[in-house]
Amino acid sequence: MANVQNQLIEFDKKIRLGWNTEGKTLREKRDIILEKLRTGFAEMRKEGKEVPSFSDFNQGSYQMDTGIWPADGDYDIDVGLRFNCSKGDYENPADLKILVADVLEGHTVLGTKVKKSCVTVIYRLDGEQAYHVDLAVYAYEDPDSSQKRLFLAKGQRGSDEDNRWWEESDPQGLTTWVENRFKDEQRAQFLRVIRALKRWKTEKFKTDGSNAPSGIGLTVAAGMWFQPEVHVDAYAGRTNVDDLRAMRTFVKKMVEQFQWIGVNEEDNSPLYRLTVQVPVAPGLDIFERMSDGQMTTFRDRLVQLRDRLEEVTNEPDTVRACQLMRQHFGEEFPVPDKKDTGSGGGRAIVSSGISA
């Protein structure tokens, strides 16, 4: 069997958002935005307006370390704004988001947008949209309660009653759950596989991105079913790591979790759904908003990936194996020169000292 572990490590380095490069830029922009909000709200209070205080926290892929460099170059950081007020103080949750957006009006050339789930501050570089900061706005059910249940403001400017609501959420609990799934080398492999599958998603849903499963959906599914392939050889004094096998096992497990739910009325083709319960409040199916058709397409492409990973596992030539991987993970997946691969054989499990 070909050995592609080194190429998987190199691929991860290419697609992973850098903590000291892109991450540093995002943190700087985040801090400037937060200071502008606090200053703006303080001025409003001096004018006699009632504006609740807030605390902030990082959330999403940036905090979980599952962020990748997007194909369009527009990377982001997700920041939670936890307002010290009751959701009942804002019958229309969009009003609190609009308050945030209005304070940040004119902060960047490309402006600030009130989206359904967040307020987005957009930045450009060399005349092109380059990165953005997503601000998720939260309020408590009751800020004086010991339970401190948080609710996310959903809705946009002008949303009617059917398209705006407060949704219970526990973003920090979800981050902690993901962070605690594995430790050390196992955690490093867990995160590499998630980042690789997020790039796979980008590649395989290029023309129909709105039908793609969410990155957080893949992350939670991995938290449920991922099985590390990291084995310590105490006698030899090394750790054996096999990302390909771990990915193949996880993809196979995901495919097995889909349930047949009926047939498409147009062509009698089978329809499937995958249910993944969020492990924190509100505990709903993370894929519930995907249609049956979208879920079936998701399964079809996972089946293709499962079969391709099996083919790569059985391929004796490393160059050919990497070419097969590139078909599913994109041009960034490295393909070695034939002269550098020797006979192309070798074990799938290799010695590694890598870490997250």
Protein backbone atom coordinates (compact mmCIF):
# COMPACT_ATOMS: atom_id res chain seq x y z
CA MET A 1 0.00 0.00 0.00
CA ALA A 2 1.10 3.54 -0.71
CA ASN A 3 2.08 5.79 2.15
CA VAL A 4 0.39 9.23 1.92
CA GLN A 5 0.77 10.33 5.54
CA ASN A 6 3.42 12.93 4.74
CA GLN A 7 1.23 14.37 1.98
CA LEU A 8 -1.75 14.56 4.36
CA ILE A 9 0.38 16.51 6.84
CA GLU A 10 1.62 18.84 4.11
CA PHE A 11 -1.94 19.31 2.83
CA ASP A 12 -3.12 20.29 6.30
CA LYS A 13 -0.38 22.91 6.56
CA LYS A 14 -1.52 24.40 3.25
CA ILE A 15 -5.21 24.69 4.08
CA ARG A 16 -5.11 25.49 7.79
CA LEU A 17 -5.62 29.10 8.85
CA GLY A 18 -2.40 30.25 10.46
CA TRP A 19 -2.57 31.40 14.07
CA ASN A 20 0.32 33.86 13.62
CA THR A 21 -0.70 35.12 10.15
CA GLU A 22 -4.39 35.17 9.23
CA GLY A 23 -5.34 34.58 12.87
CA LYS A 24 -3.30 37.55 14.04
CA THR A 25 -5.02 39.82 11.50
CA LEU A 26 -8.45 38.62 12.59
CA ARG A 27 -7.67 39.12 16.28
CA GLU A 28 -6.50 42.66 15.62
CA LYS A 29 -9.69 43.51 13.70
CA ARG A 30 -11.81 41.86 16.39
CA ASP A 31 -10.23 43.96 19.14
CA ILE A 32 -10.71 47.20 17.18
CA ILE A 33 -14.37 46.36 16.57
CA LEU A 34 -15.01 45.54 20.23
CA GLU A 35 -13.41 48.80 21.35
CA LYS A 36 -15.49 50.75 18.83
CA LEU A 37 -18.66 49.09 20.12
CA ARG A 38 -17.86 49.82 23.76
CA THR A 39 -16.99 53.43 22.98
CA GLY A 40 -20.09 53.90 20.84
CA PHE A 41 -22.40 52.40 23.45
CA ALA A 42 -20.84 54.57 26.17
CA GLU A 43 -21.58 57.67 24.10
CA MET A 44 -25.18 56.53 23.62
CA ARG A 45 -25.59 56.07 27.37
CA LYS A 46 -24.31 59.61 27.96
CA GLU A 47 -27.11 60.75 25.67
CA GLY A 48 -29.63 59.01 27.92
CA LYS A 49 -30.20 55.93 25.80
CA GLU A 50 -30.51 52.53 27.43
CA VAL A 51 -27.90 50.21 26.00
CA PRO A 52 -26.98 46.96 27.81
CA SER A 53 -23.37 46.10 28.47
CA PHE A 54 -21.85 43.03 26.84
CA SER A 55 -19.00 40.57 27.17
CA ASP A 56 -17.29 38.88 24.23
CA PHE A 57 -15.89 35.45 23.42
CA ASN A 58 -14.52 33.64 20.38
CA GLN A 59 -16.60 30.84 18.90
CA GLY A 60 -16.86 28.66 15.82
CA SER A 61 -14.08 27.17 13.72
CA TYR A 62 -11.51 29.80 14.75
CA GLN A 63 -11.85 28.88 18.41
CA MET A 64 -12.10 25.14 17.70
CA ASP A 65 -9.02 25.25 15.43
CA THR A 66 -10.93 23.71 12.53
CA GLY A 67 -10.65 26.79 10.32
CA ILE A 68 -9.30 26.45 6.79
CA TRP A 69 -8.20 28.90 4.15
CA PRO A 70 -11.34 29.22 2.00
CA ALA A 71 -11.16 28.74 -1.75
CA ASP A 72 -12.33 32.32 -2.33
CA GLY A 73 -9.80 33.74 0.13
CA ASP A 74 -12.49 35.31 2.34
CA TYR A 75 -11.62 33.94 5.78
CA ASP A 76 -13.28 34.95 9.04
CA ILE A 77 -13.48 34.89 12.80
CA ASP A 78 -16.71 34.33 14.77
CA VAL A 79 -17.17 36.46 17.88
CA GLY A 80 -20.00 36.16 20.37
CA LEU A 81 -21.46 39.29 21.97
CA ARG A 82 -23.23 38.30 25.18
CA PHE A 83 -25.49 41.21 26.16
CA ASN A 84 -26.41 41.60 29.81
CA CYS A 85 -30.14 41.83 29.22
CA SER A 86 -33.19 39.65 28.85
CA LYS A 87 -34.35 38.59 25.41
CA GLY A 88 -37.73 39.89 26.53
CA ASP A 89 -36.26 43.41 26.45
CA TYR A 90 -36.06 43.07 22.66
CA GLU A 91 -39.28 41.67 21.28
CA ASN A 92 -37.70 41.94 17.84
CA PRO A 93 -34.26 40.28 18.16
CA ALA A 94 -33.08 42.05 15.01
CA ASP A 95 -33.25 45.36 16.91
CA LEU A 96 -30.27 44.40 19.06
CA LYS A 97 -28.31 43.35 15.97
CA ILE A 98 -29.20 46.60 14.22
CA LEU A 99 -27.93 48.49 17.26
CA VAL A 100 -24.56 46.77 16.83
CA ALA A 101 -24.48 47.35 13.07
CA ASP A 102 -25.37 51.03 13.36
CA VAL A 103 -22.50 51.73 15.77
CA LEU A 104 -20.13 50.08 13.28
CA GLU A 105 -21.58 51.90 10.24
CA GLY A 106 -18.76 53.26 8.09
CA HIS A 107 -16.10 51.31 10.00
CA THR A 108 -14.91 49.70 6.76
CA VAL A 109 -15.22 50.60 3.10
CA LEU A 110 -17.24 47.47 2.34
CA GLY A 111 -19.50 48.09 5.30
CA THR A 112 -21.46 46.08 7.83
CA LYS A 113 -24.35 43.73 7.07
CA VAL A 114 -27.10 42.42 9.33
CA LYS A 115 -27.48 38.75 8.37
CA LYS A 116 -29.92 36.22 9.76
CA SER A 117 -27.53 34.77 12.34
CA CYS A 118 -24.92 37.50 12.78
CA VAL A 119 -23.67 40.99 12.03
CA THR A 120 -20.81 40.85 9.51
CA VAL A 121 -18.05 43.45 9.24
CA ILE A 122 -16.33 43.10 5.85
CA TYR A 123 -12.72 44.05 5.06
CA ARG A 124 -10.90 44.35 1.78
CA LEU A 125 -7.29 43.99 0.70
CA ASP A 126 -5.94 45.32 -2.60
CA GLY A 127 -9.44 46.30 -3.62
CA GLU A 128 -10.94 42.84 -3.05
CA GLN A 129 -13.00 41.41 -0.19
CA ALA A 130 -10.40 39.58 1.88
CA TYR A 131 -11.78 38.64 5.29
CA HIS A 132 -14.62 39.42 7.67
CA VAL A 133 -15.63 39.35 11.32
CA ASP A 134 -18.98 37.73 12.20
CA LEU A 135 -20.60 39.04 15.38
CA ALA A 136 -23.21 36.71 16.88
CA VAL A 137 -25.57 38.60 19.20
CA TYR A 138 -26.89 36.87 22.33
CA ALA A 139 -29.16 37.78 25.22
CA TYR A 140 -30.15 35.86 28.33
CA GLU A 141 -33.52 34.38 29.10
CA ASP A 142 -33.02 35.98 32.51
CA PRO A 143 -29.66 37.63 33.28
CA ASP A 144 -30.30 37.28 37.03
CA SER A 145 -30.97 33.54 36.86
CA SER A 146 -28.29 31.08 37.95
CA GLN A 147 -28.93 29.01 34.80
CA LYS A 148 -27.83 31.83 32.45
CA ARG A 149 -29.56 30.36 29.38
CA LEU A 150 -28.39 32.16 26.24
CA PHE A 151 -30.43 32.90 23.14
CA LEU A 152 -29.11 33.87 19.71
CA ALA A 153 -30.76 36.76 17.88
CA LYS A 154 -32.04 35.59 14.48
CA GLY A 155 -33.37 37.93 11.82
CA GLN A 156 -32.42 40.78 9.49
CA ARG A 157 -33.46 44.37 8.96
CA GLY A 158 -37.14 44.33 8.02
CA SER A 159 -37.69 40.65 8.84
CA ASP A 160 -41.35 39.87 9.56
CA GLU A 161 -42.47 37.90 12.61
CA ASP A 162 -42.05 34.56 10.84
CA ASN A 163 -38.41 35.29 10.01
CA ARG A 164 -37.08 36.61 13.30
CA TRP A 165 -36.78 34.78 16.61
CA TRP A 166 -34.63 34.08 19.64
CA GLU A 167 -32.96 30.65 19.42
CA GLU A 168 -31.52 28.97 22.49
CA SER A 169 -27.81 28.35 22.07
CA ASP A 170 -24.73 27.30 24.04
CA PRO A 171 -21.78 28.21 21.78
CA GLN A 172 -19.14 27.95 24.49
CA GLY A 173 -20.52 24.62 25.65
CA LEU A 174 -20.25 23.31 22.10
CA THR A 175 -16.66 24.55 21.79
CA THR A 176 -15.76 22.86 25.08
CA TRP A 177 -17.41 19.62 23.93
CA VAL A 178 -15.34 19.58 20.72
CA GLU A 179 -12.14 20.51 22.55
CA ASN A 180 -12.61 17.69 25.05
CA ARG A 181 -13.23 14.90 22.55
CA PHE A 182 -9.56 13.95 22.29
CA LYS A 183 -6.17 14.94 23.65
CA ASP A 184 -2.63 15.34 22.32
CA GLU A 185 -1.84 13.37 19.13
CA GLN A 186 -5.37 12.02 18.85
CA ARG A 187 -6.75 15.56 18.98
CA ALA A 188 -4.24 16.70 16.36
CA GLN A 189 -5.41 13.95 14.01
CA PHE A 190 -9.08 14.66 14.77
CA LEU A 191 -8.62 18.31 13.76
CA ARG A 192 -6.62 17.48 10.63
CA VAL A 193 -9.34 15.14 9.38
CA ILE A 194 -12.05 17.75 10.04
CA ARG A 195 -10.07 20.40 8.15
CA ALA A 196 -9.48 18.01 5.25
CA LEU A 197 -13.19 17.17 5.04
CA LYS A 198 -14.08 20.86 5.08
CA ARG A 199 -11.81 21.32 2.05
CA TRP A 200 -13.44 18.26 0.45
CA LYS A 201 -16.81 19.91 1.00
CA THR A 202 -15.58 23.07 -0.73
CA GLU A 203 -14.33 21.08 -3.71
CA LYS A 204 -17.34 18.82 -4.12
CA PHE A 205 -19.98 21.53 -3.70
CA LYS A 206 -18.30 24.18 -5.87
CA THR A 207 -21.27 24.62 -8.16
CA ASP A 208 -23.98 24.16 -5.54
CA GLY A 209 -22.47 25.52 -2.34
CA SER A 210 -25.87 26.42 -0.88
CA ASN A 211 -26.66 22.68 -0.81
CA ALA A 212 -23.51 21.78 1.11
CA PRO A 213 -23.52 20.51 4.71
CA SER A 214 -22.24 23.03 7.21
CA GLY A 215 -18.70 22.89 8.53
CA ILE A 216 -19.97 22.76 12.09
CA GLY A 217 -22.16 19.84 11.05
CA LEU A 218 -19.09 17.90 9.91
CA THR A 219 -17.31 18.87 13.13
CA VAL A 220 -20.10 17.65 15.41
CA ALA A 221 -20.44 14.44 13.37
CA ALA A 222 -16.71 13.87 13.84
CA GLY A 223 -17.11 14.46 17.55
CA MET A 224 -19.73 11.71 17.55
CA TRP A 225 -18.09 9.05 15.39
CA PHE A 226 -14.41 9.78 14.75
CA GLN A 227 -12.03 7.02 15.84
CA PRO A 228 -8.34 8.04 16.12
CA GLU A 229 -5.65 5.97 14.49
CA VAL A 230 -2.76 6.94 16.74
CA HIS A 231 -0.77 4.19 18.39
CA VAL A 232 2.18 4.54 20.74
CA ASP A 233 4.99 2.06 20.22
CA ALA A 234 6.69 2.28 23.60
CA TYR A 235 9.32 -0.28 22.65
CA ALA A 236 10.41 1.65 19.54
CA GLY A 237 9.88 5.02 21.21
CA ARG A 238 7.61 6.45 18.53
CA THR A 239 3.99 7.24 17.77
CA ASN A 240 2.39 5.70 14.70
CA VAL A 241 -0.23 7.88 12.99
CA ASP A 242 -2.54 6.96 10.11
CA ASP A 243 -4.77 9.85 9.03
CA LEU A 244 -5.97 8.07 5.90
CA ARG A 245 -7.34 5.13 7.84
CA ALA A 246 -8.95 7.42 10.43
CA MET A 247 -10.63 9.46 7.70
CA ARG A 248 -11.78 6.38 5.81
CA THR A 249 -13.29 4.84 8.95
CA PHE A 250 -15.09 8.08 9.85
CA VAL A 251 -16.53 8.63 6.36
CA LYS A 252 -17.71 5.03 6.26
CA LYS A 253 -19.36 5.48 9.66
CA MET A 254 -21.14 8.63 8.48
CA VAL A 255 -22.49 6.85 5.42
CA GLU A 256 -23.78 4.03 7.63
CA GLN A 257 -25.68 6.52 9.81
CA PHE A 258 -27.91 7.71 6.95
CA GLN A 259 -31.44 6.32 7.05
CA TRP A 260 -33.63 5.58 4.02
CA ILE A 261 -36.77 7.74 4.28
CA GLY A 262 -38.59 7.08 1.02
CA VAL A 263 -38.29 7.86 -2.69
CA ASN A 264 -38.20 10.95 -4.84
CA GLU A 265 -41.61 11.37 -6.47
CA GLU A 266 -40.05 12.64 -9.70
CA ASP A 267 -37.78 9.71 -10.49
CA ASN A 268 -38.34 7.11 -7.71
CA SER A 269 -34.74 7.46 -6.57
CA PRO A 270 -34.12 6.75 -2.86
CA LEU A 271 -33.97 9.57 -0.33
CA TYR A 272 -31.84 9.53 2.81
CA ARG A 273 -31.32 11.62 5.94
CA LEU A 274 -28.55 11.85 8.51
CA THR A 275 -29.49 13.01 12.01
CA VAL A 276 -26.81 14.51 14.25
CA GLN A 277 -28.03 15.90 17.56
CA VAL A 278 -26.23 18.98 18.88
CA PRO A 279 -24.70 17.81 22.20
CA VAL A 280 -25.61 21.09 23.96
CA ALA A 281 -28.68 23.35 24.06
CA PRO A 282 -30.97 23.34 22.20
CA GLY A 283 -30.11 19.72 21.29
CA LEU A 284 -31.65 19.84 17.82
CA ASP A 285 -30.56 18.02 14.67
CA ILE A 286 -27.70 20.07 13.28
CA PHE A 287 -28.72 19.15 9.71
CA GLU A 288 -32.45 19.78 10.15
CA ARG A 289 -32.56 22.70 7.69
CA MET A 290 -31.16 20.62 4.83
CA SER A 291 -33.83 19.27 2.47
CA ASP A 292 -34.19 15.56 1.78
CA GLY A 293 -32.67 16.12 -1.65
CA GLN A 294 -29.69 17.99 -0.23
CA MET A 295 -29.13 15.27 2.36
CA THR A 296 -29.27 12.57 -0.31
CA THR A 297 -26.73 14.45 -2.43
CA PHE A 298 -24.52 14.78 0.66
CA ARG A 299 -24.71 11.01 1.14
CA ASP A 300 -23.99 10.31 -2.54
CA ARG A 301 -20.81 12.38 -2.38
CA LEU A 302 -19.74 10.79 0.88
CA VAL A 303 -20.17 7.37 -0.75
CA GLN A 304 -17.93 8.53 -3.60
CA LEU A 305 -15.35 9.72 -1.08
CA ARG A 306 -15.57 6.48 0.91
CA ASP A 307 -14.92 4.43 -2.21
CA ARG A 308 -12.06 6.69 -3.29
CA LEU A 309 -10.36 6.49 0.11
CA GLU A 310 -10.64 2.70 -0.10
CA GLU A 311 -9.05 2.83 -3.55
CA VAL A 312 -6.24 5.04 -2.24
CA THR A 313 -5.66 2.64 0.64
CA ASN A 314 -5.19 -0.25 -1.77
CA GLU A 315 -3.14 1.68 -4.33
CA PRO A 316 0.53 0.56 -4.24
CA ASP A 317 1.95 3.64 -5.97
CA THR A 318 2.24 6.83 -3.87
CA VAL A 319 2.08 9.18 -6.86
CA ARG A 320 -1.10 7.56 -8.16
CA ALA A 321 -2.59 7.52 -4.65
CA CYS A 322 -1.99 11.26 -4.26
CA GLN A 323 -3.46 11.94 -7.69
CA LEU A 324 -6.60 10.12 -6.59
CA MET A 325 -6.73 12.20 -3.41
CA ARG A 326 -6.37 15.39 -5.42
CA GLN A 327 -9.55 14.54 -7.35
CA HIS A 328 -11.53 14.90 -4.13
CA PHE A 329 -9.50 17.42 -2.12
CA GLY A 330 -8.35 19.81 -4.82
CA GLU A 331 -5.12 21.00 -6.39
CA GLU A 332 -3.59 21.86 -3.03
CA PHE A 333 -3.20 18.18 -2.20
CA PRO A 334 0.49 17.49 -2.91
CA VAL A 335 1.63 14.92 -5.44
CA PRO A 336 5.28 13.88 -5.03
CA ASP A 337 7.72 13.39 -7.88
CA LYS A 338 8.02 9.78 -8.95
CA LYS A 339 11.76 9.81 -8.25
CA ASP A 340 11.12 10.78 -4.61
CA THR A 341 8.79 7.89 -3.80
CA GLY A 342 11.05 4.89 -4.23
CA SER A 343 9.03 1.80 -4.95
CA GLY A 344 5.84 3.58 -3.92
CA GLY A 345 5.02 0.95 -1.34
CA GLY A 346 5.18 0.96 2.41
CA ARG A 347 2.91 0.82 5.39
CA ALA A 348 -0.03 3.17 5.81
CA ILE A 349 0.94 3.80 9.40
CA VAL A 350 4.01 5.97 9.79
CA SER A 351 6.06 7.42 12.56
CA SER A 352 5.21 10.99 13.40
CA GLY A 353 5.94 13.62 16.01
CA ILE A 354 3.24 16.00 14.83
CA SER A 355 0.96 17.99 17.08
CA ALA A 356 -1.97 20.36 16.80
